[in-house]
Amino acid sequence: MAPYERRKLWLLNGAHTLMAYAGQLRGHTTVSDAMLDPEVTTWISEFWDEASHHLTEPELDIPTYRAALTQRFTNQRIAHPLKHIAHDGSLKLAARAIPVYRAECKAGRPGTASLRILAAWCDYVMIQQRNTTPIHDPHAAVITEILERHAHCPRDIATTRALLSVIDLELTDNTTALHAIHAMRGSF
């Protein structure tokens, strides 16, 4: 993948994905609303820091790009609904959070900010199921079946592992990542 594509996918789209789940869990409806929440903006900054470690080509000018994204995201005239960004999460997370997490691990760092996005998604789909709100995802049937099977204990580690299996099977065998994701669930 070309550097500019990775920059857009990880920084712009990755932040959108984080806001789509964590932002809605915190009661926000648009990107600009989520950007008014200091907790969400801290999480975005932490994710951008992780991704930026792996976007080192000078022509990418990451500080300028981050500043432009912040300005764009905080523009309240652009009412970008988080519920639409949240669609197809299993695919988006595999392309946006997992590669950053893997790159961080390869560099000897924990990738906590990348894993936070996955934890937010787990909580988000659980609440969607509990509220009988349709889950818009190509794997919606599997996600729904997992949540129904684990309805008696939706926040246990077996549920977290099962949900992660929809996104990336390797994560289900990575006990460090699994426990980190599980520990973050319920914190949004």
N, C-alpha and C. Protein backbone atom coordinates (compact mmCIF):
# COMPACT_ATOMS: atom_id res chain seq x y z
N MET A 1 0.84 -1.17 0.00
CA MET A 1 0.00 0.00 0.00
C MET A 1 0.89 1.25 0.00
N ALA A 2 0.53 2.22 -0.80
CA ALA A 2 1.30 3.45 -0.92
C ALA A 2 1.24 4.25 0.39
N PRO A 3 2.30 5.00 0.69
CA PRO A 3 2.33 5.78 1.94
C PRO A 3 1.14 6.71 2.13
N TYR A 4 0.72 7.41 1.08
CA TYR A 4 -0.42 8.32 1.22
C TYR A 4 -1.72 7.57 1.51
N GLU A 5 -1.84 6.38 0.96
CA GLU A 5 -3.03 5.56 1.24
C GLU A 5 -3.04 5.12 2.70
N ARG A 6 -1.86 4.69 3.20
CA ARG A 6 -1.76 4.29 4.61
C ARG A 6 -2.06 5.47 5.52
N ARG A 7 -1.53 6.64 5.18
CA ARG A 7 -1.78 7.83 6.00
C ARG A 7 -3.28 8.10 6.11
N LYS A 8 -3.98 8.08 4.99
CA LYS A 8 -5.42 8.34 5.01
C LYS A 8 -6.16 7.23 5.76
N LEU A 9 -5.82 5.99 5.46
CA LEU A 9 -6.51 4.85 6.06
C LEU A 9 -6.33 4.84 7.58
N TRP A 10 -5.11 5.07 8.03
CA TRP A 10 -4.85 4.98 9.46
C TRP A 10 -5.25 6.24 10.21
N LEU A 11 -4.89 7.40 9.70
CA LEU A 11 -5.15 8.62 10.46
C LEU A 11 -6.58 9.12 10.30
N LEU A 12 -7.01 9.36 9.08
CA LEU A 12 -8.38 9.85 8.86
C LEU A 12 -9.40 8.77 9.17
N ASN A 13 -9.32 7.67 8.45
CA ASN A 13 -10.32 6.61 8.62
C ASN A 13 -10.23 5.93 9.98
N GLY A 14 -9.02 5.74 10.48
CA GLY A 14 -8.86 5.13 11.81
C GLY A 14 -9.49 5.97 12.91
N ALA A 15 -9.28 7.29 12.83
CA ALA A 15 -9.90 8.19 13.83
C ALA A 15 -11.42 8.16 13.69
N HIS A 16 -11.91 8.16 12.46
CA HIS A 16 -13.36 8.06 12.25
C HIS A 16 -13.90 6.78 12.89
N THR A 17 -13.21 5.69 12.71
CA THR A 17 -13.67 4.41 13.26
C THR A 17 -13.69 4.46 14.79
N LEU A 18 -12.66 5.01 15.37
CA LEU A 18 -12.62 5.15 16.83
C LEU A 18 -13.80 5.99 17.31
N MET A 19 -14.03 7.13 16.64
CA MET A 19 -15.15 7.99 17.04
C MET A 19 -16.50 7.30 16.83
N ALA A 20 -16.61 6.50 15.78
CA ALA A 20 -17.88 5.85 15.48
C ALA A 20 -18.34 4.97 16.63
N TYR A 21 -17.41 4.30 17.29
CA TYR A 21 -17.78 3.41 18.39
C TYR A 21 -17.67 4.10 19.74
N ALA A 22 -16.50 4.59 20.08
CA ALA A 22 -16.32 5.23 21.39
C ALA A 22 -17.17 6.49 21.50
N GLY A 23 -17.27 7.24 20.42
CA GLY A 23 -18.08 8.46 20.44
C GLY A 23 -19.55 8.18 20.70
N GLN A 24 -20.09 7.20 19.99
CA GLN A 24 -21.50 6.86 20.22
C GLN A 24 -21.72 6.28 21.61
N LEU A 25 -20.79 5.49 22.08
CA LEU A 25 -20.92 4.93 23.43
C LEU A 25 -20.94 6.04 24.48
N ARG A 26 -20.33 7.17 24.15
CA ARG A 26 -20.29 8.31 25.07
C ARG A 26 -21.42 9.31 24.78
N GLY A 27 -22.35 8.94 23.88
CA GLY A 27 -23.53 9.75 23.65
C GLY A 27 -23.44 10.76 22.52
N HIS A 28 -22.39 10.70 21.72
CA HIS A 28 -22.22 11.65 20.62
C HIS A 28 -22.85 11.10 19.34
N THR A 29 -23.29 12.02 18.47
CA THR A 29 -23.94 11.59 17.23
C THR A 29 -23.18 11.96 15.97
N THR A 30 -22.29 12.95 16.05
CA THR A 30 -21.53 13.36 14.87
C THR A 30 -20.05 13.42 15.22
N VAL A 31 -19.23 13.47 14.16
CA VAL A 31 -17.79 13.58 14.34
C VAL A 31 -17.45 14.83 15.13
N SER A 32 -18.05 15.96 14.77
CA SER A 32 -17.72 17.20 15.47
C SER A 32 -18.15 17.15 16.94
N ASP A 33 -19.27 16.49 17.24
CA ASP A 33 -19.69 16.32 18.64
C ASP A 33 -18.64 15.50 19.41
N ALA A 34 -18.20 14.43 18.81
CA ALA A 34 -17.20 13.57 19.47
C ALA A 34 -15.90 14.33 19.70
N MET A 35 -15.56 15.21 18.78
CA MET A 35 -14.31 15.97 18.92
C MET A 35 -14.38 17.01 20.04
N LEU A 36 -15.55 17.30 20.54
CA LEU A 36 -15.68 18.21 21.68
C LEU A 36 -15.44 17.49 23.01
N ASP A 37 -15.35 16.17 22.95
CA ASP A 37 -15.16 15.35 24.14
C ASP A 37 -13.65 15.15 24.36
N PRO A 38 -13.09 15.71 25.43
CA PRO A 38 -11.64 15.60 25.64
C PRO A 38 -11.14 14.17 25.72
N GLU A 39 -11.96 13.26 26.24
CA GLU A 39 -11.54 11.86 26.33
C GLU A 39 -11.38 11.27 24.93
N VAL A 40 -12.34 11.53 24.07
CA VAL A 40 -12.28 11.03 22.69
C VAL A 40 -11.08 11.63 21.96
N THR A 41 -10.87 12.92 22.11
CA THR A 41 -9.73 13.53 21.40
C THR A 41 -8.40 13.01 21.94
N THR A 42 -8.34 12.69 23.21
CA THR A 42 -7.12 12.07 23.75
C THR A 42 -6.90 10.70 23.12
N TRP A 43 -7.97 9.91 23.01
CA TRP A 43 -7.83 8.58 22.40
C TRP A 43 -7.41 8.69 20.94
N ILE A 44 -7.96 9.66 20.23
CA ILE A 44 -7.57 9.86 18.83
C ILE A 44 -6.10 10.22 18.75
N SER A 45 -5.67 11.14 19.58
CA SER A 45 -4.27 11.55 19.58
C SER A 45 -3.34 10.37 19.87
N GLU A 46 -3.73 9.54 20.82
CA GLU A 46 -2.92 8.36 21.15
C GLU A 46 -2.87 7.39 19.96
N PHE A 47 -4.00 7.21 19.28
CA PHE A 47 -4.00 6.33 18.11
C PHE A 47 -3.14 6.94 17.00
N TRP A 48 -3.28 8.24 16.78
CA TRP A 48 -2.46 8.91 15.77
C TRP A 48 -0.98 8.78 16.10
N ASP A 49 -0.63 8.87 17.38
CA ASP A 49 0.77 8.70 17.76
C ASP A 49 1.27 7.32 17.36
N GLU A 50 0.47 6.30 17.65
CA GLU A 50 0.88 4.93 17.27
C GLU A 50 1.03 4.81 15.76
N ALA A 51 0.03 5.25 15.02
CA ALA A 51 0.08 5.13 13.56
C ALA A 51 1.24 5.93 12.99
N SER A 52 1.49 7.11 13.56
CA SER A 52 2.55 7.98 13.04
C SER A 52 3.93 7.36 13.16
N HIS A 53 4.11 6.48 14.12
CA HIS A 53 5.40 5.78 14.23
C HIS A 53 5.74 5.02 12.95
N HIS A 54 4.72 4.69 12.17
CA HIS A 54 4.90 3.84 10.99
C HIS A 54 4.57 4.58 9.69
N LEU A 55 4.50 5.89 9.79
CA LEU A 55 4.30 6.76 8.63
C LEU A 55 5.44 7.76 8.60
N THR A 56 6.63 7.26 8.34
CA THR A 56 7.84 8.05 8.53
C THR A 56 8.35 8.76 7.28
N GLU A 57 7.70 8.54 6.14
CA GLU A 57 8.16 9.19 4.93
C GLU A 57 7.99 10.71 5.08
N PRO A 58 9.05 11.48 4.88
CA PRO A 58 8.98 12.93 5.11
C PRO A 58 7.89 13.63 4.30
N GLU A 59 7.61 13.16 3.10
CA GLU A 59 6.62 13.81 2.26
C GLU A 59 5.20 13.69 2.82
N LEU A 60 4.99 12.81 3.79
CA LEU A 60 3.66 12.66 4.38
C LEU A 60 3.32 13.81 5.33
N ASP A 61 4.31 14.51 5.82
CA ASP A 61 4.12 15.67 6.69
C ASP A 61 3.00 15.43 7.71
N ILE A 62 3.24 14.45 8.56
CA ILE A 62 2.23 14.00 9.51
C ILE A 62 1.73 15.11 10.44
N PRO A 63 2.58 15.97 10.99
CA PRO A 63 2.04 17.03 11.87
C PRO A 63 1.03 17.93 11.16
N THR A 64 1.31 18.31 9.92
CA THR A 64 0.39 19.16 9.17
C THR A 64 -0.89 18.41 8.86
N TYR A 65 -0.78 17.14 8.50
CA TYR A 65 -1.96 16.33 8.19
C TYR A 65 -2.84 16.18 9.42
N ARG A 66 -2.24 15.91 10.58
CA ARG A 66 -3.01 15.77 11.81
C ARG A 66 -3.74 17.08 12.14
N ALA A 67 -3.06 18.18 11.98
CA ALA A 67 -3.69 19.49 12.26
C ALA A 67 -4.86 19.73 11.32
N ALA A 68 -4.69 19.37 10.05
CA ALA A 68 -5.78 19.55 9.07
C ALA A 68 -6.96 18.64 9.42
N LEU A 69 -6.68 17.41 9.83
CA LEU A 69 -7.76 16.51 10.22
C LEU A 69 -8.51 17.04 11.45
N THR A 70 -7.77 17.54 12.41
CA THR A 70 -8.41 18.09 13.60
C THR A 70 -9.33 19.25 13.22
N GLN A 71 -8.86 20.11 12.36
CA GLN A 71 -9.69 21.24 11.92
C GLN A 71 -10.94 20.73 11.19
N ARG A 72 -10.75 19.77 10.34
CA ARG A 72 -11.89 19.20 9.59
C ARG A 72 -12.89 18.52 10.52
N PHE A 73 -12.38 17.72 11.45
CA PHE A 73 -13.25 16.96 12.36
C PHE A 73 -14.02 17.88 13.30
N THR A 74 -13.46 19.02 13.66
CA THR A 74 -14.13 19.92 14.60
C THR A 74 -15.09 20.89 13.91
N ASN A 75 -15.14 20.86 12.60
CA ASN A 75 -16.03 21.76 11.85
C ASN A 75 -17.49 21.31 12.05
N GLN A 76 -18.23 22.08 12.82
CA GLN A 76 -19.60 21.70 13.15
C GLN A 76 -20.57 21.90 11.99
N ARG A 77 -20.12 22.57 10.93
CA ARG A 77 -20.97 22.71 9.74
C ARG A 77 -21.02 21.40 8.95
N ILE A 78 -20.09 20.51 9.22
CA ILE A 78 -20.09 19.19 8.58
C ILE A 78 -20.67 18.20 9.59
N ALA A 79 -21.90 17.84 9.41
CA ALA A 79 -22.58 16.92 10.33
C ALA A 79 -22.41 15.49 9.83
N HIS A 80 -21.25 14.93 10.12
CA HIS A 80 -20.94 13.57 9.67
C HIS A 80 -21.42 12.59 10.74
N PRO A 81 -22.53 11.87 10.48
CA PRO A 81 -23.12 10.99 11.51
C PRO A 81 -22.25 9.78 11.84
N LEU A 82 -22.00 9.59 13.10
CA LEU A 82 -21.20 8.46 13.56
C LEU A 82 -21.86 7.13 13.25
N LYS A 83 -23.19 7.08 13.29
CA LYS A 83 -23.88 5.80 13.06
C LYS A 83 -23.59 5.27 11.65
N HIS A 84 -23.36 6.15 10.68
CA HIS A 84 -23.03 5.68 9.33
C HIS A 84 -21.58 5.21 9.25
N ILE A 85 -20.71 5.90 9.94
CA ILE A 85 -19.30 5.50 9.95
C ILE A 85 -19.14 4.14 10.61
N ALA A 86 -20.04 3.82 11.54
CA ALA A 86 -19.95 2.57 12.30
C ALA A 86 -20.27 1.33 11.46
N HIS A 87 -20.87 1.51 10.30
CA HIS A 87 -21.22 0.36 9.46
C HIS A 87 -19.96 -0.39 9.02
N ASP A 88 -20.09 -1.69 8.85
CA ASP A 88 -19.03 -2.56 8.32
C ASP A 88 -17.78 -2.58 9.21
N GLY A 89 -18.00 -2.49 10.50
CA GLY A 89 -16.89 -2.42 11.44
C GLY A 89 -15.89 -3.54 11.36
N SER A 90 -16.35 -4.76 11.15
CA SER A 90 -15.40 -5.88 11.12
C SER A 90 -14.38 -5.72 10.00
N LEU A 91 -14.81 -5.18 8.88
CA LEU A 91 -13.88 -4.95 7.76
C LEU A 91 -12.99 -3.75 8.02
N LYS A 92 -13.59 -2.67 8.53
CA LYS A 92 -12.83 -1.44 8.77
C LYS A 92 -11.75 -1.66 9.82
N LEU A 93 -12.07 -2.36 10.88
CA LEU A 93 -11.10 -2.60 11.94
C LEU A 93 -9.92 -3.44 11.45
N ALA A 94 -10.22 -4.39 10.60
CA ALA A 94 -9.15 -5.23 10.05
C ALA A 94 -8.17 -4.43 9.20
N ALA A 95 -8.64 -3.37 8.59
CA ALA A 95 -7.78 -2.54 7.73
C ALA A 95 -7.18 -1.34 8.43
N ARG A 96 -7.81 -0.88 9.50
CA ARG A 96 -7.41 0.38 10.13
C ARG A 96 -6.71 0.20 11.47
N ALA A 97 -7.20 -0.66 12.32
CA ALA A 97 -6.62 -0.82 13.65
C ALA A 97 -5.61 -1.96 13.72
N ILE A 98 -5.93 -3.08 13.10
CA ILE A 98 -5.06 -4.26 13.20
C ILE A 98 -3.66 -4.01 12.63
N PRO A 99 -3.52 -3.40 11.43
CA PRO A 99 -2.17 -3.16 10.92
C PRO A 99 -1.33 -2.25 11.82
N VAL A 100 -1.95 -1.25 12.42
CA VAL A 100 -1.22 -0.36 13.33
C VAL A 100 -0.81 -1.15 14.58
N TYR A 101 -1.72 -1.95 15.10
CA TYR A 101 -1.40 -2.78 16.26
C TYR A 101 -0.22 -3.70 15.96
N ARG A 102 -0.27 -4.37 14.84
CA ARG A 102 0.81 -5.30 14.48
C ARG A 102 2.15 -4.57 14.32
N ALA A 103 2.11 -3.39 13.70
CA ALA A 103 3.35 -2.62 13.52
C ALA A 103 3.90 -2.18 14.87
N GLU A 104 3.01 -1.81 15.79
CA GLU A 104 3.45 -1.41 17.13
C GLU A 104 4.09 -2.61 17.85
N CYS A 105 3.47 -3.77 17.75
CA CYS A 105 4.03 -4.97 18.38
C CYS A 105 5.40 -5.30 17.82
N LYS A 106 5.52 -5.21 16.51
CA LYS A 106 6.80 -5.48 15.85
C LYS A 106 7.88 -4.52 16.34
N ALA A 107 7.48 -3.30 16.70
CA ALA A 107 8.41 -2.30 17.21
C ALA A 107 8.62 -2.43 18.73
N GLY A 108 7.98 -3.42 19.34
CA GLY A 108 8.17 -3.65 20.76
C GLY A 108 7.28 -2.82 21.66
N ARG A 109 6.23 -2.24 21.10
CA ARG A 109 5.30 -1.43 21.89
C ARG A 109 3.95 -2.16 21.99
N PRO A 110 3.13 -1.83 23.00
CA PRO A 110 1.90 -2.60 23.25
C PRO A 110 0.74 -2.33 22.30
N GLY A 111 0.70 -1.19 21.61
CA GLY A 111 -0.41 -0.92 20.70
C GLY A 111 -1.74 -0.70 21.39
N THR A 112 -1.70 -0.14 22.56
CA THR A 112 -2.91 0.04 23.38
C THR A 112 -3.98 0.86 22.68
N ALA A 113 -3.58 1.94 22.02
CA ALA A 113 -4.58 2.80 21.36
C ALA A 113 -5.28 2.07 20.22
N SER A 114 -4.55 1.23 19.52
CA SER A 114 -5.16 0.43 18.44
C SER A 114 -6.14 -0.58 19.02
N LEU A 115 -5.78 -1.18 20.12
CA LEU A 115 -6.65 -2.16 20.76
C LEU A 115 -7.90 -1.51 21.35
N ARG A 116 -7.77 -0.24 21.76
CA ARG A 116 -8.92 0.48 22.31
C ARG A 116 -10.07 0.53 21.30
N ILE A 117 -9.74 0.71 20.03
CA ILE A 117 -10.77 0.77 19.00
C ILE A 117 -11.54 -0.56 18.95
N LEU A 118 -10.83 -1.66 19.08
CA LEU A 118 -11.46 -2.97 19.06
C LEU A 118 -12.36 -3.17 20.29
N ALA A 119 -11.90 -2.70 21.44
CA ALA A 119 -12.72 -2.80 22.65
C ALA A 119 -14.00 -1.99 22.50
N ALA A 120 -13.88 -0.79 21.93
CA ALA A 120 -15.06 0.05 21.72
C ALA A 120 -16.04 -0.64 20.77
N TRP A 121 -15.52 -1.27 19.72
CA TRP A 121 -16.40 -1.99 18.79
C TRP A 121 -17.13 -3.13 19.50
N CYS A 122 -16.43 -3.88 20.32
CA CYS A 122 -17.06 -4.98 21.07
C CYS A 122 -18.23 -4.45 21.90
N ASP A 123 -17.99 -3.37 22.63
CA ASP A 123 -19.07 -2.79 23.45
C ASP A 123 -20.19 -2.25 22.57
N TYR A 124 -19.83 -1.64 21.47
CA TYR A 124 -20.82 -1.04 20.57
C TYR A 124 -21.77 -2.11 20.02
N VAL A 125 -21.23 -3.20 19.50
CA VAL A 125 -22.12 -4.23 18.93
C VAL A 125 -22.95 -4.90 20.02
N MET A 126 -22.38 -5.01 21.21
CA MET A 126 -23.14 -5.59 22.32
C MET A 126 -24.36 -4.71 22.64
N ILE A 127 -24.15 -3.41 22.67
CA ILE A 127 -25.26 -2.50 22.97
C ILE A 127 -26.26 -2.47 21.81
N GLN A 128 -25.76 -2.55 20.58
CA GLN A 128 -26.67 -2.63 19.43
C GLN A 128 -27.59 -3.84 19.58
N GLN A 129 -27.02 -4.95 19.92
CA GLN A 129 -27.79 -6.19 20.09
C GLN A 129 -28.78 -6.05 21.24
N ARG A 130 -28.32 -5.52 22.36
CA ARG A 130 -29.19 -5.37 23.53
C ARG A 130 -30.38 -4.45 23.22
N ASN A 131 -30.13 -3.40 22.42
CA ASN A 131 -31.19 -2.45 22.07
C ASN A 131 -32.00 -2.88 20.85
N THR A 132 -31.73 -4.06 20.35
CA THR A 132 -32.35 -4.60 19.13
C THR A 132 -32.22 -3.64 17.94
N THR A 133 -31.09 -2.97 17.89
CA THR A 133 -30.75 -2.11 16.76
C THR A 133 -29.99 -2.97 15.75
N PRO A 134 -30.36 -2.92 14.49
CA PRO A 134 -29.65 -3.74 13.51
C PRO A 134 -28.16 -3.45 13.47
N ILE A 135 -27.38 -4.49 13.35
CA ILE A 135 -25.93 -4.37 13.21
C ILE A 135 -25.64 -4.36 11.71
N HIS A 136 -25.09 -3.27 11.23
CA HIS A 136 -24.79 -3.13 9.80
C HIS A 136 -23.35 -3.57 9.57
N ASP A 137 -23.20 -4.82 9.19
CA ASP A 137 -21.88 -5.40 9.01
C ASP A 137 -22.04 -6.61 8.10
N PRO A 138 -21.05 -6.87 7.25
CA PRO A 138 -21.16 -8.07 6.41
C PRO A 138 -21.20 -9.36 7.23
N HIS A 139 -20.72 -9.29 8.47
CA HIS A 139 -20.74 -10.46 9.36
C HIS A 139 -21.80 -10.31 10.45
N ALA A 140 -22.84 -9.54 10.18
CA ALA A 140 -23.87 -9.27 11.18
C ALA A 140 -24.49 -10.54 11.74
N ALA A 141 -24.74 -11.51 10.90
CA ALA A 141 -25.35 -12.76 11.37
C ALA A 141 -24.45 -13.47 12.37
N VAL A 142 -23.16 -13.52 12.09
CA VAL A 142 -22.22 -14.17 13.00
C VAL A 142 -22.10 -13.39 14.30
N ILE A 143 -22.00 -12.07 14.19
CA ILE A 143 -21.90 -11.21 15.39
C ILE A 143 -23.14 -11.39 16.26
N THR A 144 -24.31 -11.39 15.64
CA THR A 144 -25.55 -11.56 16.37
C THR A 144 -25.60 -12.92 17.05
N GLU A 145 -25.18 -13.95 16.35
CA GLU A 145 -25.18 -15.30 16.92
C GLU A 145 -24.23 -15.37 18.12
N ILE A 146 -23.06 -14.75 18.02
CA ILE A 146 -22.11 -14.73 19.14
C ILE A 146 -22.74 -14.03 20.34
N LEU A 147 -23.34 -12.88 20.10
CA LEU A 147 -23.93 -12.11 21.20
C LEU A 147 -25.13 -12.85 21.81
N GLU A 148 -25.90 -13.54 21.01
CA GLU A 148 -27.02 -14.33 21.56
C GLU A 148 -26.50 -15.50 22.37
N ARG A 149 -25.46 -16.15 21.86
CA ARG A 149 -24.88 -17.30 22.57
C ARG A 149 -24.28 -16.88 23.91
N HIS A 150 -23.78 -15.65 23.98
CA HIS A 150 -23.14 -15.16 25.20
C HIS A 150 -24.00 -14.14 25.94
N ALA A 151 -25.30 -14.15 25.68
CA ALA A 151 -26.20 -13.15 26.28
C ALA A 151 -26.17 -13.17 27.81
N HIS A 152 -25.93 -14.33 28.40
CA HIS A 152 -25.91 -14.44 29.86
C HIS A 152 -24.69 -13.76 30.48
N CYS A 153 -23.64 -13.55 29.68
CA CYS A 153 -22.42 -12.90 30.19
C CYS A 153 -21.74 -12.15 29.03
N PRO A 154 -22.36 -11.06 28.56
CA PRO A 154 -21.88 -10.37 27.36
C PRO A 154 -20.52 -9.70 27.51
N ARG A 155 -20.07 -9.50 28.74
CA ARG A 155 -18.78 -8.82 28.92
C ARG A 155 -17.70 -9.77 29.44
N ASP A 156 -17.92 -11.07 29.33
CA ASP A 156 -16.86 -11.96 29.79
C ASP A 156 -15.81 -12.13 28.68
N ILE A 157 -14.70 -12.69 29.04
CA ILE A 157 -13.58 -12.79 28.10
C ILE A 157 -13.89 -13.73 26.94
N ALA A 158 -14.74 -14.73 27.16
CA ALA A 158 -15.13 -15.63 26.07
C ALA A 158 -15.90 -14.86 24.99
N THR A 159 -16.73 -13.92 25.41
CA THR A 159 -17.47 -13.09 24.45
C THR A 159 -16.51 -12.20 23.68
N THR A 160 -15.57 -11.58 24.39
CA THR A 160 -14.56 -10.74 23.72
C THR A 160 -13.80 -11.56 22.69
N ARG A 161 -13.35 -12.75 23.08
CA ARG A 161 -12.60 -13.61 22.16
C ARG A 161 -13.45 -13.98 20.94
N ALA A 162 -14.68 -14.33 21.17
CA ALA A 162 -15.56 -14.72 20.06
C ALA A 162 -15.79 -13.54 19.10
N LEU A 163 -16.02 -12.35 19.64
CA LEU A 163 -16.21 -11.18 18.78
C LEU A 163 -14.95 -10.86 17.98
N LEU A 164 -13.80 -10.96 18.61
CA LEU A 164 -12.54 -10.69 17.90
C LEU A 164 -12.28 -11.69 16.78
N SER A 165 -12.81 -12.89 16.93
CA SER A 165 -12.62 -13.90 15.89
C SER A 165 -13.25 -13.49 14.57
N VAL A 166 -14.24 -12.60 14.64
CA VAL A 166 -14.88 -12.10 13.43
C VAL A 166 -13.94 -11.17 12.67
N ILE A 167 -13.07 -10.48 13.40
CA ILE A 167 -12.17 -9.49 12.81
C ILE A 167 -10.83 -10.10 12.44
N ASP A 168 -10.24 -10.85 13.37
CA ASP A 168 -8.89 -11.36 13.15
C ASP A 168 -8.65 -12.56 14.05
N LEU A 169 -8.52 -13.73 13.46
CA LEU A 169 -8.34 -14.95 14.25
C LEU A 169 -7.04 -14.95 15.05
N GLU A 170 -6.01 -14.30 14.54
CA GLU A 170 -4.74 -14.26 15.27
C GLU A 170 -4.89 -13.57 16.62
N LEU A 171 -5.75 -12.57 16.69
CA LEU A 171 -5.94 -11.86 17.96
C LEU A 171 -6.52 -12.77 19.03
N THR A 172 -7.33 -13.73 18.63
CA THR A 172 -7.95 -14.61 19.63
C THR A 172 -6.91 -15.50 20.30
N ASP A 173 -5.78 -15.72 19.64
CA ASP A 173 -4.70 -16.53 20.23
C ASP A 173 -3.65 -15.68 20.93
N ASN A 174 -3.75 -14.36 20.80
CA ASN A 174 -2.80 -13.44 21.41
C ASN A 174 -3.35 -13.04 22.78
N THR A 175 -2.92 -13.75 23.82
CA THR A 175 -3.50 -13.52 25.15
C THR A 175 -3.23 -12.11 25.66
N THR A 176 -2.10 -11.53 25.32
CA THR A 176 -1.80 -10.18 25.76
C THR A 176 -2.81 -9.19 25.16
N ALA A 177 -3.02 -9.28 23.86
CA ALA A 177 -3.98 -8.40 23.19
C ALA A 177 -5.39 -8.67 23.69
N LEU A 178 -5.75 -9.93 23.78
CA LEU A 178 -7.10 -10.29 24.22
C LEU A 178 -7.39 -9.72 25.60
N HIS A 179 -6.47 -9.88 26.53
CA HIS A 179 -6.69 -9.37 27.89
C HIS A 179 -6.69 -7.84 27.93
N ALA A 180 -5.87 -7.21 27.09
CA ALA A 180 -5.87 -5.74 27.04
C ALA A 180 -7.20 -5.22 26.51
N ILE A 181 -7.68 -5.83 25.44
CA ILE A 181 -8.98 -5.42 24.88
C ILE A 181 -10.09 -5.66 25.90
N HIS A 182 -10.08 -6.82 26.50
CA HIS A 182 -11.11 -7.15 27.47
C HIS A 182 -11.11 -6.18 28.65
N ALA A 183 -9.92 -5.80 29.11
CA ALA A 183 -9.81 -4.88 30.25
C ALA A 183 -10.37 -3.50 29.91
N MET A 184 -10.32 -3.10 28.63
CA MET A 184 -10.83 -1.79 28.23
C MET A 184 -12.34 -1.78 27.99
N ARG A 185 -12.92 -2.95 27.83
CA ARG A 185 -14.37 -2.99 27.60
C ARG A 185 -15.10 -2.41 28.80
N GLY A 186 -16.15 -1.67 28.50
CA GLY A 186 -16.94 -1.05 29.58
C GLY A 186 -16.38 0.26 30.07
N SER A 187 -15.30 0.74 29.45
CA SER A 187 -14.67 1.99 29.91
C SER A 187 -15.02 3.20 29.06
N PHE A 188 -16.00 3.05 28.21
CA PHE A 188 -16.35 4.14 27.31
C PHE A 188 -17.57 4.82 27.84
